[in-house]
Amino acid sequence: EIVTLLGFDGIPAILDPTFVSAERAEDWMDPDESVLGLSINGDSRAYSIRMLSRHEIVNDVVGGLPLAVTW
């Protein structure tokens, strides 16, 4: 028997992410919080694992390349 807990698109992707400076991130992130880091063509991002655990997918453009960050 298959039991469905979440319907289709039950966990929403982040489609248009916004970012803050490292200094501002310190206001809401724990000092030892894990992030997924990415740098392409000199353009860098840090995605909070805590946030990715709630959304699982972030659609973003980094270094001019469209990509899907998944967790």
N, C-alpha and C. Protein backbone atom coordinates (compact mmCIF):
# COMPACT_ATOMS: atom_id res chain seq x y z
N GLU A 1 0.84 -1.18 0.00
CA GLU A 1 0.00 0.00 0.00
C GLU A 1 0.89 1.24 0.00
N ILE A 2 0.60 2.15 -0.88
CA ILE A 2 1.34 3.42 -0.95
C ILE A 2 0.52 4.49 -0.25
N VAL A 3 1.15 5.16 0.71
CA VAL A 3 0.51 6.23 1.45
C VAL A 3 1.16 7.54 1.03
N THR A 4 0.39 8.47 0.53
CA THR A 4 0.90 9.77 0.11
C THR A 4 0.72 10.77 1.24
N LEU A 5 1.83 11.32 1.71
CA LEU A 5 1.76 12.30 2.79
C LEU A 5 1.66 13.72 2.26
N LEU A 6 2.35 13.97 1.17
CA LEU A 6 2.32 15.29 0.56
C LEU A 6 1.82 15.15 -0.87
N GLY A 7 0.98 16.07 -1.26
CA GLY A 7 0.49 16.07 -2.63
C GLY A 7 1.55 16.57 -3.60
N PHE A 8 1.20 16.58 -4.88
CA PHE A 8 2.08 17.09 -5.92
C PHE A 8 2.51 18.51 -5.56
N ASP A 9 3.81 18.80 -5.68
CA ASP A 9 4.38 20.10 -5.31
C ASP A 9 4.13 20.45 -3.85
N GLY A 10 4.10 19.44 -3.00
CA GLY A 10 3.86 19.66 -1.57
C GLY A 10 4.98 20.41 -0.87
N ILE A 11 6.19 20.36 -1.41
CA ILE A 11 7.32 21.12 -0.88
C ILE A 11 7.70 22.14 -1.94
N PRO A 12 7.39 23.42 -1.72
CA PRO A 12 7.63 24.42 -2.77
C PRO A 12 9.12 24.71 -2.98
N ALA A 13 9.52 24.79 -4.23
CA ALA A 13 10.88 25.20 -4.57
C ALA A 13 11.02 26.71 -4.35
N ILE A 14 12.25 27.15 -4.14
CA ILE A 14 12.54 28.59 -4.10
C ILE A 14 12.86 28.98 -5.54
N LEU A 15 12.02 29.81 -6.12
CA LEU A 15 12.14 30.14 -7.55
C LEU A 15 12.93 31.41 -7.82
N ASP A 16 12.92 32.35 -6.89
CA ASP A 16 13.62 33.62 -7.09
C ASP A 16 14.33 33.97 -5.79
N PRO A 17 15.45 33.28 -5.50
CA PRO A 17 16.09 33.48 -4.20
C PRO A 17 16.67 34.88 -4.04
N THR A 18 16.66 35.35 -2.81
CA THR A 18 17.32 36.60 -2.47
C THR A 18 18.43 36.27 -1.47
N PHE A 19 19.47 37.05 -1.48
CA PHE A 19 20.62 36.79 -0.62
C PHE A 19 20.96 38.04 0.18
N VAL A 20 21.60 37.81 1.32
CA VAL A 20 22.05 38.91 2.17
C VAL A 20 23.55 38.78 2.34
N SER A 21 24.17 39.83 2.82
CA SER A 21 25.61 39.79 3.09
C SER A 21 25.89 38.83 4.24
N ALA A 22 27.14 38.41 4.36
CA ALA A 22 27.53 37.52 5.46
C ALA A 22 27.25 38.18 6.81
N GLU A 23 27.45 39.48 6.89
CA GLU A 23 27.19 40.19 8.14
C GLU A 23 25.71 40.13 8.53
N ARG A 24 24.83 40.31 7.57
CA ARG A 24 23.39 40.24 7.86
C ARG A 24 22.95 38.82 8.14
N ALA A 25 23.57 37.84 7.49
CA ALA A 25 23.22 36.44 7.73
C ALA A 25 23.52 36.03 9.17
N GLU A 26 24.51 36.65 9.77
CA GLU A 26 24.85 36.35 11.17
C GLU A 26 23.69 36.65 12.12
N ASP A 27 22.77 37.53 11.71
CA ASP A 27 21.62 37.88 12.55
C ASP A 27 20.65 36.71 12.73
N TRP A 28 20.58 35.79 11.76
CA TRP A 28 19.60 34.70 11.87
C TRP A 28 20.19 33.30 11.72
N MET A 29 21.47 33.22 11.37
CA MET A 29 22.11 31.91 11.24
C MET A 29 22.94 31.61 12.49
N ASP A 30 23.01 30.32 12.85
CA ASP A 30 23.88 29.90 13.94
C ASP A 30 25.33 29.94 13.45
N PRO A 31 26.27 30.24 14.35
CA PRO A 31 27.68 30.32 13.93
C PRO A 31 28.22 29.05 13.29
N ASP A 32 27.69 27.89 13.69
CA ASP A 32 28.19 26.63 13.14
C ASP A 32 27.21 25.99 12.14
N GLU A 33 26.28 26.81 11.63
CA GLU A 33 25.28 26.29 10.68
C GLU A 33 25.93 25.89 9.36
N SER A 34 25.51 24.76 8.84
CA SER A 34 26.06 24.27 7.57
C SER A 34 25.41 24.97 6.39
N VAL A 35 26.21 25.18 5.35
CA VAL A 35 25.71 25.75 4.10
C VAL A 35 26.26 24.92 2.95
N LEU A 36 25.58 25.01 1.83
CA LEU A 36 26.07 24.44 0.59
C LEU A 36 26.66 25.61 -0.19
N GLY A 37 27.95 25.58 -0.44
CA GLY A 37 28.63 26.68 -1.12
C GLY A 37 28.85 26.38 -2.58
N LEU A 38 28.79 27.43 -3.39
CA LEU A 38 28.94 27.29 -4.83
C LEU A 38 29.57 28.56 -5.39
N SER A 39 30.53 28.39 -6.29
CA SER A 39 31.14 29.53 -6.96
C SER A 39 31.35 29.18 -8.43
N ILE A 40 30.79 30.01 -9.31
CA ILE A 40 30.92 29.81 -10.75
C ILE A 40 31.27 31.15 -11.37
N ASN A 41 32.35 31.17 -12.14
CA ASN A 41 32.77 32.39 -12.84
C ASN A 41 32.89 33.60 -11.91
N GLY A 42 33.37 33.36 -10.68
CA GLY A 42 33.56 34.44 -9.72
C GLY A 42 32.30 34.88 -8.99
N ASP A 43 31.18 34.27 -9.26
CA ASP A 43 29.91 34.56 -8.59
C ASP A 43 29.69 33.46 -7.54
N SER A 44 29.57 33.85 -6.28
CA SER A 44 29.49 32.86 -5.19
C SER A 44 28.17 32.94 -4.44
N ARG A 45 27.73 31.79 -3.95
CA ARG A 45 26.50 31.68 -3.16
C ARG A 45 26.75 30.74 -1.99
N ALA A 46 26.00 30.96 -0.92
CA ALA A 46 25.96 30.02 0.21
C ALA A 46 24.48 29.77 0.50
N TYR A 47 24.07 28.53 0.37
CA TYR A 47 22.67 28.15 0.60
C TYR A 47 22.58 27.46 1.95
N SER A 48 21.74 27.97 2.82
CA SER A 48 21.55 27.41 4.16
C SER A 48 20.96 26.01 4.06
N ILE A 49 21.62 25.03 4.69
CA ILE A 49 21.10 23.66 4.70
C ILE A 49 19.75 23.63 5.42
N ARG A 50 19.61 24.44 6.46
CA ARG A 50 18.33 24.50 7.18
C ARG A 50 17.21 24.94 6.23
N MET A 51 17.48 25.93 5.37
CA MET A 51 16.48 26.40 4.42
C MET A 51 16.25 25.36 3.32
N LEU A 52 17.34 24.74 2.84
CA LEU A 52 17.19 23.72 1.81
C LEU A 52 16.40 22.51 2.31
N SER A 53 16.51 22.20 3.58
CA SER A 53 15.77 21.08 4.14
C SER A 53 14.26 21.32 4.12
N ARG A 54 13.87 22.60 4.10
CA ARG A 54 12.44 22.94 4.04
C ARG A 54 11.92 23.06 2.62
N HIS A 55 12.81 23.33 1.68
CA HIS A 55 12.37 23.58 0.30
C HIS A 55 12.92 22.57 -0.71
N GLU A 56 14.06 22.00 -0.44
CA GLU A 56 14.71 20.96 -1.24
C GLU A 56 15.27 21.40 -2.58
N ILE A 57 14.70 22.41 -3.21
CA ILE A 57 15.19 22.87 -4.52
C ILE A 57 15.20 24.40 -4.56
N VAL A 58 16.31 24.93 -5.07
CA VAL A 58 16.41 26.37 -5.33
C VAL A 58 16.77 26.53 -6.80
N ASN A 59 15.97 27.25 -7.54
CA ASN A 59 16.30 27.60 -8.92
C ASN A 59 17.02 28.94 -8.88
N ASP A 60 18.21 28.99 -9.44
CA ASP A 60 19.04 30.19 -9.32
C ASP A 60 19.85 30.37 -10.60
N VAL A 61 20.47 31.52 -10.73
CA VAL A 61 21.44 31.78 -11.80
C VAL A 61 22.72 32.20 -11.10
N VAL A 62 23.80 31.45 -11.33
CA VAL A 62 25.09 31.74 -10.70
C VAL A 62 26.14 31.82 -11.80
N GLY A 63 26.86 32.90 -11.81
CA GLY A 63 27.88 33.07 -12.84
C GLY A 63 27.33 33.07 -14.24
N GLY A 64 26.07 33.48 -14.37
CA GLY A 64 25.42 33.52 -15.68
C GLY A 64 24.83 32.20 -16.12
N LEU A 65 24.92 31.15 -15.29
CA LEU A 65 24.39 29.84 -15.64
C LEU A 65 23.16 29.50 -14.82
N PRO A 66 22.05 29.17 -15.46
CA PRO A 66 20.87 28.74 -14.71
C PRO A 66 21.12 27.36 -14.11
N LEU A 67 20.68 27.15 -12.88
CA LEU A 67 20.90 25.86 -12.24
C LEU A 67 19.83 25.59 -11.19
N ALA A 68 19.73 24.34 -10.82
CA ALA A 68 18.85 23.90 -9.74
C ALA A 68 19.75 23.35 -8.63
N VAL A 69 19.66 23.94 -7.46
CA VAL A 69 20.39 23.46 -6.28
C VAL A 69 19.43 22.55 -5.54
N THR A 70 19.83 21.31 -5.31
CA THR A 70 18.93 20.36 -4.65
C THR A 70 19.56 19.82 -3.38
N TRP A 71 18.70 19.43 -2.46
CA TRP A 71 19.15 18.86 -1.19
C TRP A 71 18.28 17.71 -0.83
